Amino acid sequence: MPAYDAIIIGTGQAGPPLAGRLGAAGQKVAIIERNLVGGTCVNTGCTPTKTLVASAKAAQMARRAAEYGVVLEGAVGVDMRKVKARADAVSGASREGVTAWIERMENCTFHRGHARFADHRSVRVGGDVLTADRIFINVGGRAVIPDIPGIADVPVLTNSTMMDLDVVPEHLLVIGGSYVGLEFAQAYRRFGARVTVFETGPRLIRREDEDVSRAVSEILAAEGIEIVVGAVNLTVGRAPGGGIAVSHDGPNGLRTVSGSHLLVATGRRPNTDDLDIEKAGIAVDAHGYVIVDDALRTNVDGIWALGDCNGRGAFTHTSYNDFEIVAANLLDGDPRRVTDRIPVYALYIDPPLGRVGMSQAEAEQSGRRILVSKRPMTRVSRAIEKGETQGFMKLVADADSGELLGAALLGTGCDEAVHSLIDVMYARRPYALVRRGMHIHPTVSELLPTMMGDFQPA
């Protein structure tokens, strides 16, 4: 039985850098991958989807060229085979880069195959049994297909299989009005598809404040995307003339919409159900997420869980931060914790939404006296000059401490502008520090200090 100091199961965003750190520290490491190196981000997540979004943006700007005094002859066309080839190439280069990195790591052996626990100190891979005193689970997650009547009888696309499309759907039906569903909805609308989004809740992206949800809905509707909220009692079936039909109850009774393709984007589940995890005695919750403490340790001594499979974050950056936390504790004598991090994420529709910390609703529920400042993007010079004035920026602060509690920045460049706020929040400094700073003109970020001089009680 090959003996290692550490076994890492999975090559997502946390696995390879951890293997590199442990190997560089002189530990003998085995890293295991059963499918594509790089995990969700590299293969079916951030890398290919944001490449797809960039192509959709190019198509949209071509259609708007006349607004900028640019003359294009003829209609704007989209070659989805070339769009897909570009996304595949970008994703493939990233995957090859991670693979080459792993293969040249010192003290690291790369095993390809399906890992299953034999016990709390050993893992089977093919005909081999690997043993180690430390095991790190980094197996990621996958899309959930909800139990909707009739859904098993029609072809269903997920975030992964959407990346296989090399045609523009005639009419894309999207079940799920949150991040994944909305990004694909806008991209394929810009490629030329009709798009209908069904959300069972009363509004899109329910975790956000109502003004953010409303603005996002207006942005998408302005591009011709049909938004259906409160779509309860969904059923799916074959349409009479071919294609797929989605039915739901609405204010005027039963309504049916027929389309050519169906994307389901209603959530994800961890890839822990085929690891024989029970043989190691590892505790999971009702949804299959590995239960971890603040340092990402499981209930079994010597076993950690990182990335999407631990339920402590569902983003590439949270997975990478999991690696940083584990490495800091094991190798640096630095007691970093999951609860040290501030929630940050983005919604990559166009314009994007950059989010940090609490929403306004969360801040109000915390019992604090809060201050709010909000400005439309029509007040931002850079947005006006670019001809991209949709959205707004909103800041939330503690009235007593001067602490910035959160922000929702929806507008051009806001996925980058939000980082100046992230940095000051991690520094635990009052917002007055940003207010006194001199920012570059013309940028989106320059309005943030101005907004901080205009806080009002909520």
Protein backbone atom coordinates (compact mmCIF):
# COMPACT_ATOMS: atom_id res chain seq x y z
CA MET A 1 0.00 0.00 0.00
CA PRO A 2 1.75 3.20 -1.17
CA ALA A 3 2.21 5.47 1.85
CA TYR A 4 2.02 9.25 1.59
CA ASP A 5 2.07 12.12 4.03
CA ALA A 6 -1.05 13.55 2.39
CA ILE A 7 -3.73 12.50 -0.10
CA ILE A 8 -5.74 15.15 -1.95
CA ILE A 9 -8.92 14.01 -3.70
CA GLY A 10 -9.81 16.38 -6.52
CA THR A 11 -8.02 19.00 -8.62
CA GLY A 12 -10.37 21.96 -8.23
CA GLN A 13 -9.22 25.35 -7.05
CA ALA A 14 -8.07 24.20 -3.60
CA GLY A 15 -6.36 20.89 -4.43
CA PRO A 16 -3.40 21.76 -6.68
CA PRO A 17 -2.12 24.76 -4.69
CA LEU A 18 -2.35 22.72 -1.50
CA ALA A 19 -0.41 19.90 -3.15
CA GLY A 20 2.22 22.42 -4.20
CA ARG A 21 2.59 23.88 -0.70
CA LEU A 22 2.76 20.49 0.99
CA GLY A 23 5.21 19.11 -1.56
CA ALA A 24 7.45 22.16 -1.27
CA ALA A 25 7.47 21.62 2.49
CA GLY A 26 8.96 18.17 1.90
CA GLN A 27 5.81 16.11 2.31
CA LYS A 28 5.05 13.20 0.00
CA VAL A 29 1.71 13.97 -1.66
CA ALA A 30 -0.75 12.03 -3.81
CA ILE A 31 -3.35 14.03 -5.75
CA ILE A 32 -6.23 12.18 -7.42
CA GLU A 33 -8.53 13.21 -10.28
CA ARG A 34 -11.19 11.03 -11.90
CA ASN A 35 -12.27 13.39 -14.67
CA LEU A 36 -11.05 16.77 -15.95
CA VAL A 37 -8.24 18.55 -14.15
CA GLY A 38 -9.20 21.97 -12.82
CA GLY A 39 -12.64 21.26 -11.43
CA THR A 40 -15.79 23.25 -12.17
CA CYS A 41 -14.17 26.65 -12.64
CA VAL A 42 -11.78 25.64 -15.37
CA ASN A 43 -14.03 23.20 -17.24
CA THR A 44 -17.70 24.17 -16.93
CA GLY A 45 -17.75 27.23 -14.67
CA CYS A 46 -15.99 30.57 -14.59
CA THR A 47 -13.46 30.10 -17.37
CA PRO A 48 -15.68 28.92 -20.25
CA THR A 49 -18.83 30.76 -19.17
CA LYS A 50 -17.13 34.14 -18.81
CA THR A 51 -15.51 33.53 -22.21
CA LEU A 52 -19.04 32.93 -23.53
CA VAL A 53 -20.25 36.12 -21.82
CA ALA A 54 -17.43 38.05 -23.51
CA SER A 55 -18.54 36.81 -26.94
CA ALA A 56 -22.12 37.81 -26.14
CA LYS A 57 -20.90 41.26 -25.10
CA ALA A 58 -19.08 41.62 -28.42
CA ALA A 59 -22.28 40.77 -30.30
CA GLN A 60 -24.24 43.30 -28.29
CA MET A 61 -21.69 46.06 -28.83
CA ALA A 62 -21.65 45.32 -32.56
CA ARG A 63 -25.40 45.84 -32.65
CA ARG A 64 -24.96 49.14 -30.79
CA ALA A 65 -22.08 50.29 -32.99
CA ALA A 66 -24.10 53.07 -34.61
CA GLU A 67 -24.63 54.69 -31.19
CA TYR A 68 -20.87 55.24 -31.06
CA GLY A 69 -20.57 56.51 -34.62
CA VAL A 70 -19.23 53.21 -35.91
CA VAL A 71 -20.73 52.02 -39.20
CA LEU A 72 -21.12 48.29 -39.79
CA GLU A 73 -22.66 47.03 -43.00
CA GLY A 74 -25.25 44.28 -42.81
CA ALA A 75 -26.79 42.45 -39.89
CA VAL A 76 -24.69 41.21 -36.99
CA GLY A 77 -24.36 37.44 -37.12
CA VAL A 78 -23.18 34.92 -34.54
CA ASP A 79 -21.28 31.74 -35.42
CA MET A 80 -21.88 29.55 -32.38
CA ARG A 81 -19.37 26.98 -33.53
CA LYS A 82 -16.66 29.62 -33.37
CA VAL A 83 -18.02 30.93 -30.06
CA LYS A 84 -17.86 27.42 -28.62
CA ALA A 85 -14.42 26.80 -30.11
CA ARG A 86 -13.12 29.96 -28.43
CA ALA A 87 -14.56 28.94 -25.06
CA ASP A 88 -13.15 25.43 -25.47
CA ALA A 89 -9.73 26.82 -26.33
CA VAL A 90 -9.59 29.13 -23.32
CA SER A 91 -10.83 26.39 -21.01
CA GLY A 92 -8.49 23.83 -22.53
CA ALA A 93 -5.44 26.06 -22.14
CA SER A 94 -6.29 26.60 -18.48
CA ARG A 95 -6.80 22.86 -17.92
CA GLU A 96 -3.51 22.03 -19.62
CA GLY A 97 -1.76 24.64 -17.52
CA VAL A 98 -3.03 23.17 -14.25
CA THR A 99 -2.16 19.65 -15.40
CA ALA A 100 1.41 20.67 -16.29
CA TRP A 101 1.73 22.43 -12.94
CA ILE A 102 0.69 19.31 -11.02
CA GLU A 103 2.97 17.06 -13.04
CA ARG A 104 6.06 19.13 -12.28
CA MET A 105 5.37 19.58 -8.55
CA GLU A 106 8.06 18.22 -6.29
CA ASN A 107 7.18 15.28 -4.05
CA CYS A 108 3.78 14.93 -5.75
CA THR A 109 2.36 11.88 -7.54
CA PHE A 110 -0.64 12.39 -9.82
CA HIS A 111 -3.17 9.52 -9.85
CA ARG A 112 -5.99 9.39 -12.39
CA GLY A 113 -9.03 7.43 -11.29
CA HIS A 114 -12.09 7.36 -9.06
CA ALA A 115 -11.13 7.68 -5.38
CA ARG A 116 -13.14 5.85 -2.72
CA PHE A 117 -12.43 5.67 0.97
CA ALA A 118 -11.36 2.29 2.32
CA ASP A 119 -11.15 3.66 5.86
CA HIS A 120 -10.17 6.90 7.60
CA ARG A 121 -6.53 6.60 6.53
CA SER A 122 -6.71 4.92 3.11
CA VAL A 123 -8.22 5.54 -0.31
CA ARG A 124 -8.72 3.13 -3.21
CA VAL A 125 -7.91 4.29 -6.73
CA GLY A 126 -8.40 1.59 -9.33
CA GLY A 127 -6.45 -1.39 -8.06
CA ASP A 128 -4.26 0.66 -5.72
CA VAL A 129 -4.78 1.50 -2.07
CA LEU A 130 -3.13 4.74 -0.99
CA THR A 131 -2.56 5.54 2.67
CA ALA A 132 -1.79 8.78 4.48
CA ASP A 133 -2.15 10.40 7.88
CA ARG A 134 -3.80 13.42 6.25
CA ILE A 135 -6.54 13.34 3.62
CA PHE A 136 -8.07 16.40 1.95
CA ILE A 137 -11.42 16.15 0.14
CA ASN A 138 -11.81 18.62 -2.74
CA VAL A 139 -14.41 16.96 -4.96
CA GLY A 140 -16.64 19.94 -5.85
CA GLY A 141 -20.29 19.72 -6.84
CA ARG A 142 -22.68 19.35 -9.74
CA ALA A 143 -26.04 20.67 -10.89
CA VAL A 144 -29.23 19.44 -9.25
CA ILE A 145 -32.16 18.40 -11.43
CA PRO A 146 -35.27 19.23 -9.37
CA ASP A 147 -38.17 16.85 -8.99
CA ILE A 148 -40.48 18.63 -11.43
CA PRO A 149 -43.24 16.49 -12.94
CA GLY A 150 -42.30 15.40 -16.47
CA ILE A 151 -38.73 16.62 -16.37
CA ALA A 152 -37.34 13.10 -16.80
CA ASP A 153 -39.15 12.83 -20.14
CA VAL A 154 -37.40 15.73 -21.91
CA PRO A 155 -33.78 16.62 -22.68
CA VAL A 156 -32.40 18.90 -19.97
CA LEU A 157 -29.36 21.15 -20.09
CA THR A 158 -27.30 22.14 -17.04
CA ASN A 159 -24.47 24.62 -16.62
CA SER A 160 -22.11 21.83 -17.74
CA THR A 161 -23.95 20.58 -20.82
CA MET A 162 -24.76 24.13 -21.95
CA MET A 163 -21.08 24.38 -22.80
CA ASP A 164 -21.56 21.63 -25.41
CA LEU A 165 -24.03 23.68 -27.49
CA ASP A 166 -22.73 24.89 -30.82
CA VAL A 167 -26.04 26.27 -32.07
CA VAL A 168 -28.24 29.16 -31.02
CA PRO A 169 -31.47 27.79 -29.52
CA GLU A 170 -34.61 29.05 -31.20
CA HIS A 171 -36.19 29.56 -27.77
CA LEU A 172 -34.28 28.84 -24.55
CA LEU A 173 -36.40 28.09 -21.48
CA VAL A 174 -34.55 28.66 -18.20
CA ILE A 175 -35.83 27.33 -14.88
CA GLY A 176 -34.07 29.25 -12.12
CA GLY A 177 -33.78 33.01 -11.71
CA SER A 178 -30.43 33.28 -9.98
CA TYR A 179 -26.79 33.66 -10.99
CA VAL A 180 -26.22 30.74 -13.37
CA GLY A 181 -29.59 30.99 -15.06
CA LEU A 182 -29.44 34.75 -15.58
CA GLU A 183 -25.92 34.76 -17.01
CA PHE A 184 -26.82 32.14 -19.60
CA ALA A 185 -30.16 33.81 -20.29
CA GLN A 186 -28.58 37.12 -21.23
CA ALA A 187 -25.71 35.57 -23.18
CA TYR A 188 -27.99 33.45 -25.36
CA ARG A 189 -30.43 36.30 -25.86
CA ARG A 190 -27.51 38.31 -27.22
CA PHE A 191 -26.58 35.41 -29.47
CA GLY A 192 -30.08 35.65 -30.96
CA ALA A 193 -32.28 33.22 -29.03
CA ARG A 194 -35.67 33.96 -27.58
CA VAL A 195 -35.37 33.46 -23.83
CA THR A 196 -37.90 32.89 -21.06
CA VAL A 197 -36.81 32.65 -17.41
CA PHE A 198 -39.04 30.97 -14.82
CA GLU A 199 -38.51 31.74 -11.14
CA THR A 200 -40.72 30.13 -8.49
CA GLY A 201 -40.08 32.92 -5.99
CA PRO A 202 -41.60 36.39 -6.06
CA ARG A 203 -38.49 37.97 -7.62
CA LEU A 204 -35.14 37.21 -9.19
CA ILE A 205 -31.99 36.60 -7.09
CA ARG A 206 -33.90 36.55 -3.81
CA ARG A 207 -30.77 36.81 -1.64
CA GLU A 208 -30.32 40.39 -2.86
CA ASP A 209 -32.22 43.50 -1.81
CA GLU A 210 -35.46 44.16 -3.67
CA ASP A 211 -34.05 47.21 -5.49
CA VAL A 212 -31.19 45.09 -6.85
CA SER A 213 -33.58 42.35 -7.99
CA ARG A 214 -35.82 44.90 -9.64
CA ALA A 215 -32.96 46.60 -11.48
CA VAL A 216 -31.56 43.29 -12.73
CA SER A 217 -35.01 42.29 -13.97
CA GLU A 218 -35.37 45.60 -15.80
CA ILE A 219 -31.96 45.23 -17.44
CA LEU A 220 -32.80 41.77 -18.74
CA ALA A 221 -36.33 42.68 -19.81
CA ALA A 222 -34.97 45.64 -21.79
CA GLU A 223 -33.03 43.15 -23.91
CA GLY A 224 -36.17 41.16 -24.67
CA ILE A 225 -35.87 38.41 -22.08
CA GLU A 226 -39.22 37.30 -20.69
CA ILE A 227 -39.10 37.09 -16.88
CA VAL A 228 -41.74 34.97 -15.15
CA VAL A 229 -41.71 35.18 -11.36
CA GLY A 230 -44.06 33.37 -9.01
CA ALA A 231 -44.05 30.44 -11.44
CA VAL A 232 -45.43 27.81 -9.06
CA ASN A 233 -46.54 24.22 -9.71
CA LEU A 234 -44.17 23.83 -12.63
CA THR A 235 -44.57 20.88 -14.99
CA VAL A 236 -42.49 19.96 -18.02
CA GLY A 237 -43.38 17.92 -21.09
CA ARG A 238 -43.12 17.53 -24.82
CA ALA A 239 -44.67 20.35 -26.82
CA PRO A 240 -47.37 19.29 -29.35
CA GLY A 241 -45.39 20.55 -32.33
CA GLY A 242 -42.05 19.34 -31.03
CA GLY A 243 -39.75 20.92 -28.50
CA ILE A 244 -40.32 21.35 -24.78
CA ALA A 245 -43.24 22.85 -22.89
CA VAL A 246 -43.07 24.39 -19.41
CA SER A 247 -46.36 24.97 -17.63
CA HIS A 248 -47.01 26.86 -14.41
CA ASP A 249 -49.78 28.41 -12.38
CA GLY A 250 -50.05 32.17 -12.63
CA PRO A 251 -52.44 34.96 -11.67
CA ASN A 252 -54.64 34.09 -14.66
CA GLY A 253 -54.50 30.32 -14.25
CA LEU A 254 -52.43 27.71 -16.03
CA ARG A 255 -49.94 29.02 -18.61
CA THR A 256 -47.73 27.02 -20.97
CA VAL A 257 -44.65 28.24 -22.81
CA SER A 258 -43.02 26.11 -25.50
CA GLY A 259 -39.36 26.29 -26.43
CA SER A 260 -36.60 24.42 -28.22
CA HIS A 261 -34.18 23.92 -25.30
CA LEU A 262 -34.49 23.73 -21.52
CA LEU A 263 -31.80 24.86 -19.06
CA VAL A 264 -32.26 23.96 -15.41
CA ALA A 265 -30.32 26.18 -13.01
CA THR A 266 -31.90 25.62 -9.61
CA GLY A 267 -28.94 24.69 -7.43
CA ARG A 268 -26.07 22.30 -6.92
CA ARG A 269 -25.15 19.28 -4.82
CA PRO A 270 -21.76 18.07 -3.55
CA ASN A 271 -19.95 15.16 -5.21
CA THR A 272 -19.74 13.17 -1.99
CA ASP A 273 -22.28 10.46 -2.71
CA ASP A 274 -19.88 8.03 -4.43
CA LEU A 275 -16.75 8.38 -2.28
CA ASP A 276 -17.74 5.64 0.21
CA ILE A 277 -17.35 8.42 2.71
CA GLU A 278 -19.16 6.43 5.39
CA LYS A 279 -16.25 3.98 5.54
CA ALA A 280 -14.10 6.77 6.93
CA GLY A 281 -16.77 7.83 9.44
CA ILE A 282 -16.98 11.34 7.98
CA ALA A 283 -20.11 13.27 8.92
CA VAL A 284 -22.20 14.95 6.21
CA ASP A 285 -25.37 17.01 6.47
CA ALA A 286 -28.78 16.22 4.99
CA HIS A 287 -27.69 17.56 1.60
CA GLY A 288 -24.43 15.61 1.47
CA TYR A 289 -22.10 18.48 2.35
CA VAL A 290 -19.13 17.48 4.50
CA ILE A 291 -19.47 19.06 7.92
CA VAL A 292 -16.36 21.07 8.83
CA ASP A 293 -15.27 23.36 11.64
CA ASP A 294 -13.88 26.87 11.33
CA ALA A 295 -10.51 25.50 10.18
CA LEU A 296 -12.16 23.15 7.64
CA ARG A 297 -11.48 19.99 9.67
CA THR A 298 -14.06 17.21 9.54
CA ASN A 299 -15.19 15.21 12.54
CA VAL A 300 -12.46 12.67 11.75
CA ASP A 301 -9.00 13.65 12.90
CA GLY A 302 -6.64 14.05 9.95
CA ILE A 303 -9.33 14.68 7.30
CA TRP A 304 -10.28 18.09 5.88
CA ALA A 305 -12.85 19.17 3.27
CA LEU A 306 -12.25 22.12 0.95
CA GLY A 307 -14.22 23.83 -1.79
CA ASP A 308 -17.82 23.41 -2.85
CA CYS A 309 -18.24 20.04 -1.11
CA ASN A 310 -18.10 21.57 2.38
CA GLY A 311 -21.04 23.95 1.99
CA ARG A 312 -19.03 26.92 3.26
CA GLY A 313 -18.95 28.69 -0.09
CA ALA A 314 -19.83 28.04 -3.71
CA PHE A 315 -17.29 30.13 -5.57
CA THR A 316 -13.81 29.71 -6.98
CA HIS A 317 -12.50 32.37 -4.63
CA THR A 318 -13.97 30.69 -1.54
CA SER A 319 -12.42 27.39 -2.61
CA TYR A 320 -9.01 28.98 -3.07
CA ASN A 321 -9.40 30.73 0.27
CA ASP A 322 -10.10 27.31 1.82
CA PHE A 323 -6.66 26.24 0.59
CA GLU A 324 -5.11 29.36 2.12
CA ILE A 325 -6.79 28.68 5.47
CA VAL A 326 -5.65 25.04 5.61
CA ALA A 327 -2.11 25.86 4.47
CA ALA A 328 -1.81 28.70 6.97
CA ASN A 329 -2.86 26.47 9.85
CA LEU A 330 -0.73 23.46 8.87
CA LEU A 331 2.39 25.10 7.51
CA ASP A 332 2.60 28.70 8.68
CA GLY A 333 1.46 28.62 12.29
CA ASP A 334 -1.19 31.15 11.31
CA PRO A 335 -4.62 30.32 12.82
CA ARG A 336 -6.79 31.53 9.95
CA ARG A 337 -10.52 30.73 10.06
CA VAL A 338 -13.47 30.58 7.68
CA THR A 339 -15.33 33.13 9.80
CA ASP A 340 -12.56 35.64 9.16
CA ARG A 341 -13.69 36.13 5.56
CA ILE A 342 -16.21 38.64 4.33
CA PRO A 343 -18.81 37.45 1.79
CA VAL A 344 -17.89 38.64 -1.70
CA TYR A 345 -19.20 37.60 -5.10
CA ALA A 346 -20.40 38.90 -8.45
CA LEU A 347 -23.23 38.30 -10.89
CA TYR A 348 -21.78 38.41 -14.40
CA ILE A 349 -24.66 39.71 -16.37
CA ASP A 350 -23.88 42.91 -18.27
CA PRO A 351 -23.59 45.23 -16.47
CA PRO A 352 -22.22 43.14 -13.61
CA LEU A 353 -23.20 43.18 -9.95
CA GLY A 354 -20.34 43.35 -7.44
CA ARG A 355 -21.31 42.43 -3.89
CA VAL A 356 -19.50 42.60 -0.57
CA GLY A 357 -20.69 42.10 3.00
CA MET A 358 -24.26 42.55 4.13
CA SER A 359 -27.23 43.53 2.03
CA GLN A 360 -29.27 46.45 3.30
CA ALA A 361 -31.94 44.04 4.53
CA GLU A 362 -29.35 41.99 6.44
CA ALA A 363 -27.88 45.12 8.02
CA GLU A 364 -31.32 46.30 9.13
CA GLN A 365 -32.08 42.88 10.61
CA SER A 366 -28.84 42.98 12.61
CA GLY A 367 -30.28 45.66 14.89
CA ARG A 368 -27.66 48.27 14.03
CA ARG A 369 -28.38 51.91 13.26
CA ILE A 370 -27.43 52.01 9.62
CA LEU A 371 -26.63 54.58 6.98
CA VAL A 372 -27.29 54.17 3.26
CA SER A 373 -25.98 55.99 0.22
CA LYS A 374 -27.28 55.24 -3.27
CA ARG A 375 -26.49 56.74 -6.66
CA PRO A 376 -27.63 55.78 -10.16
CA MET A 377 -24.97 55.00 -12.74
CA THR A 378 -26.33 57.97 -14.73
CA ARG A 379 -24.33 60.05 -12.22
CA VAL A 380 -21.04 58.33 -13.07
CA SER A 381 -18.98 60.09 -15.73
CA ARG A 382 -17.21 56.95 -16.86
CA ALA A 383 -20.52 55.16 -17.39
CA ILE A 384 -21.91 58.09 -19.38
CA GLU A 385 -18.82 58.22 -21.58
CA LYS A 386 -19.04 54.49 -22.26
CA GLY A 387 -22.76 54.71 -22.99
CA GLU A 388 -23.47 52.16 -20.24
CA THR A 389 -25.56 53.87 -17.58
CA GLN A 390 -27.77 51.02 -16.38
CA GLY A 391 -27.79 50.18 -12.69
CA PHE A 392 -26.83 51.91 -9.45
CA MET A 393 -24.37 51.77 -6.58
CA LYS A 394 -25.44 51.37 -2.95
CA LEU A 395 -23.36 51.48 0.23
CA VAL A 396 -24.43 50.46 3.73
CA ALA A 397 -22.57 51.54 6.89
CA ASP A 398 -22.86 51.39 10.68
CA ALA A 399 -23.96 54.80 11.96
CA ASP A 400 -22.16 54.41 15.29
CA SER A 401 -18.82 52.81 14.38
CA GLY A 402 -18.36 54.20 10.88
CA GLU A 403 -17.78 50.66 9.69
CA LEU A 404 -18.73 49.86 6.11
CA LEU A 405 -21.12 46.91 6.34
CA GLY A 406 -21.76 46.11 2.72
CA ALA A 407 -22.23 47.27 -0.84
CA ALA A 408 -24.17 46.38 -3.97
CA LEU A 409 -22.59 47.89 -7.06
CA LEU A 410 -24.59 47.17 -10.22
CA GLY A 411 -23.08 48.80 -13.26
CA THR A 412 -20.26 48.88 -15.76
CA GLY A 413 -16.96 47.98 -14.14
CA CYS A 414 -18.56 47.33 -10.77
CA ASP A 415 -17.11 43.81 -10.48
CA GLU A 416 -13.71 45.56 -10.28
CA ALA A 417 -14.72 48.74 -8.43
CA VAL A 418 -16.04 46.73 -5.48
CA HIS A 419 -12.51 45.62 -4.55
CA SER A 420 -11.57 48.99 -3.10
CA LEU A 421 -14.38 48.44 -0.60
CA ILE A 422 -13.38 44.83 0.06
CA ASP A 423 -9.87 45.96 0.99
CA VAL A 424 -10.95 48.64 3.47
CA MET A 425 -13.44 46.23 5.07
CA TYR A 426 -10.72 43.63 5.61
CA ALA A 427 -8.51 46.35 7.08
CA ARG A 428 -11.29 46.98 9.63
CA ARG A 429 -11.01 50.70 9.00
CA PRO A 430 -13.91 53.18 8.92
CA TYR A 431 -15.34 54.26 5.60
CA ALA A 432 -13.88 57.74 6.23
CA LEU A 433 -10.55 56.30 5.08
CA VAL A 434 -11.96 55.78 1.58
CA ARG A 435 -13.80 59.09 1.65
CA ARG A 436 -10.52 60.97 2.20
CA GLY A 437 -8.76 59.16 -0.64
CA MET A 438 -8.21 60.74 -4.04
CA HIS A 439 -9.43 58.48 -6.84
CA ILE A 440 -8.64 58.63 -10.55
CA HIS A 441 -10.99 60.45 -12.92
CA PRO A 442 -12.79 59.22 -14.95
CA THR A 443 -13.43 55.87 -13.29
CA VAL A 444 -16.38 54.12 -11.71
CA SER A 445 -14.54 53.91 -8.38
CA GLU A 446 -14.17 57.68 -8.07
CA LEU A 447 -17.83 58.08 -7.09
CA LEU A 448 -17.44 55.92 -3.96
CA PRO A 449 -15.78 58.62 -1.79
CA THR A 450 -18.43 61.10 -2.93
CA MET A 451 -21.17 58.65 -1.96
CA MET A 452 -19.62 58.25 1.49
CA GLY A 453 -20.11 61.96 2.04
CA ASP A 454 -23.82 61.55 1.41
CA PHE A 455 -24.83 58.75 3.81
CA GLN A 456 -28.37 59.07 5.12
CA PRO A 457 -30.20 57.16 7.89
CA ALA A 458 -32.04 54.16 6.45
